[in-house]
C-alpha atoms as a PDB file:
ATOM      1  CA  VAL A   1       0.440  -0.201   0.283  1.00  0.00           C
ATOM      2  CA  SER A   2       1.296   3.427  -0.596  1.00  0.00           C
ATOM      3  CA  ALA A   3       2.149   6.216   1.444  1.00  0.00           C
ATOM      4  CA  SER A   4      -0.151   8.047   0.421  1.00  0.00           C
ATOM      5  CA  ARG A   5      -3.094   5.890   0.391  1.00  0.00           C
ATOM      6  CA  ARG A   6      -1.675   5.063   4.134  1.00  0.00           C
ATOM      7  CA  MET A   7      -2.001   8.746   5.119  1.00  0.00           C
ATOM      8  CA  ALA A   8      -5.717   9.190   3.445  1.00  0.00           C
ATOM      9  CA  VAL A   9      -7.931  11.710   5.371  1.00  0.00           C
ATOM     10  CA  PRO A  10     -11.015  12.138   3.512  1.00  0.00           C
ATOM     11  CA  SER A  11     -10.849  15.970   4.390  1.00  0.00           C
ATOM     12  CA  ALA A  12      -7.827  16.221   2.700  1.00  0.00           C
ATOM     13  CA  ARG A  13      -6.362  16.089  -0.999  1.00  0.00           C
ATOM     14  CA  VAL A  14      -3.283  13.451  -1.522  1.00  0.00           C
ATOM     15  CA  SER A  15      -1.246  13.639  -4.901  1.00  0.00           C
ATOM     16  CA  THR A  16       1.948  11.908  -5.469  1.00  0.00           C
ATOM     17  CA  HIS A  17       4.539  13.068  -7.884  1.00  0.00           C
ATOM     18  CA  LEU A  18       7.481  11.821  -9.416  1.00  0.00           C
ATOM     19  CA  LEU A  19      10.833  14.033  -9.854  1.00  0.00           C
ATOM     20  CA  VAL A  20      13.309  13.752 -11.871  1.00  0.00           C
ATOM     21  CA  GLY A  21      17.230  15.420 -11.241  1.00  0.00           C
ATOM     22  CA  HIS A  22      19.370  16.030  -7.882  1.00  0.00           C
ATOM     23  CA  VAL A  23      17.033  14.788  -5.297  1.00  0.00           C
ATOM     24  CA  SER A  24      17.280  17.632  -2.654  1.00  0.00           C
ATOM     25  CA  GLU A  25      17.565  20.474  -5.258  1.00  0.00           C
ATOM     26  CA  THR A  26      14.862  19.488  -7.174  1.00  0.00           C
ATOM     27  CA  LEU A  27      12.123  18.321  -4.443  1.00  0.00           C
ATOM     28  CA  LEU A  28      12.920  22.047  -3.063  1.00  0.00           C
ATOM     29  CA  ALA A  29      12.266  23.735  -6.490  1.00  0.00           C
ATOM     30  CA  TRP A  30       8.943  21.804  -6.487  1.00  0.00           C
ATOM     31  CA  LEU A  31       8.018  22.769  -3.152  1.00  0.00           C
ATOM     32  CA  ARG A  32       8.819  26.607  -3.961  1.00  0.00           C
ATOM     33  CA  ALA A  33       6.384  26.150  -6.988  1.00  0.00           C
ATOM     34  CA  ARG A  34       3.707  24.221  -5.820  1.00  0.00           C
ATOM     35  CA  ARG A  35       3.591  25.459  -1.844  1.00  0.00           C
ATOM     36  CA  PRO A  36       1.991  21.921  -0.574  1.00  0.00           C
ATOM     37  CA  GLY A  37       0.509  22.164   3.101  1.00  0.00           C
ATOM     38  CA  LEU A  38       2.532  19.012   3.739  1.00  0.00           C
ATOM     39  CA  LEU A  39       5.088  16.849   2.656  1.00  0.00           C
ATOM     40  CA  LEU A  40       5.804  13.119   3.302  1.00  0.00           C
ATOM     41  CA  LEU A  41       9.301  11.930   2.796  1.00  0.00           C
ATOM     42  CA  ALA A  42      10.154   8.484   3.248  1.00  0.00           C
ATOM     43  CA  GLY A  43      13.603   8.004   4.851  1.00  0.00           C
ATOM     44  CA  HIS A  44      15.986   4.950   5.155  1.00  0.00           C
ATOM     45  CA  GLY A  45      16.765   5.772   8.858  1.00  0.00           C
ATOM     46  CA  ARG A  46      20.716   6.154   8.352  1.00  0.00           C
ATOM     47  CA  GLY A  47      23.057   7.190  11.469  1.00  0.00           C
ATOM     48  CA  GLY A  48      26.160   7.342  12.462  1.00  0.00           C
ATOM     49  CA  LEU A  49      28.864   6.964   9.804  1.00  0.00           C
ATOM     50  CA  SER A  50      26.770   6.051   6.512  1.00  0.00           C
ATOM     51  CA  ARG A  51      24.847   8.987   7.433  1.00  0.00           C
ATOM     52  CA  ALA A  52      27.650  11.420   7.415  1.00  0.00           C
ATOM     53  CA  ILE A  53      29.302   9.501   4.120  1.00  0.00           C
ATOM     54  CA  LEU A  54      26.010   9.398   2.101  1.00  0.00           C
ATOM     55  CA  GLY A  55      24.361  12.735   3.899  1.00  0.00           C
ATOM     56  CA  SER A  56      20.534  12.945   4.225  1.00  0.00           C
ATOM     57  CA  VAL A  57      18.072  14.063   1.478  1.00  0.00           C
ATOM     58  CA  ALA A  58      15.277  14.207   4.380  1.00  0.00           C
ATOM     59  CA  GLU A  59      17.138  16.264   6.619  1.00  0.00           C
ATOM     60  CA  ALA A  60      18.289  18.745   3.713  1.00  0.00           C
ATOM     61  CA  VAL A  61      15.018  18.915   2.670  1.00  0.00           C
ATOM     62  CA  MET A  62      13.556  19.268   6.312  1.00  0.00           C
ATOM     63  CA  HIS A  63      15.530  22.365   7.204  1.00  0.00           C
ATOM     64  CA  ALA A  64      15.476  24.171   3.566  1.00  0.00           C
ATOM     65  CA  ALA A  65      11.546  23.635   3.309  1.00  0.00           C
ATOM     66  CA  ARG A  66       8.794  25.907   4.420  1.00  0.00           C
ATOM     67  CA  VAL A  67       6.761  23.785   4.795  1.00  0.00           C
ATOM     68  CA  PRO A  68       5.882  21.220   7.445  1.00  0.00           C
ATOM     69  CA  VAL A  69       7.514  18.034   6.441  1.00  0.00           C
ATOM     70  CA  LEU A  70       6.499  14.424   7.688  1.00  0.00           C
ATOM     71  CA  ILE A  71       9.306  11.958   7.434  1.00  0.00           C
ATOM     72  CA  ALA A  72       8.592   8.143   8.048  1.00  0.00           C
ATOM     73  CA  HIS A  73      10.501   4.691   7.366  1.00  0.00           C
END
């Protein structure tokens, strides 16, 4: 079951989008253009050294987004 179906609320409009490009930059540009009420992101839950080496798209987006961000595993 997709995250959008699990999060469905009768009074909310839920949509799913496929974006192509550098993940955090493309997503932040989309957020600026569309201004959704909430962004739901799936995260890997990495920590420690792997996060330091690979970085965290979810963390970068969370800090730069001007909309509420919900991060789920």
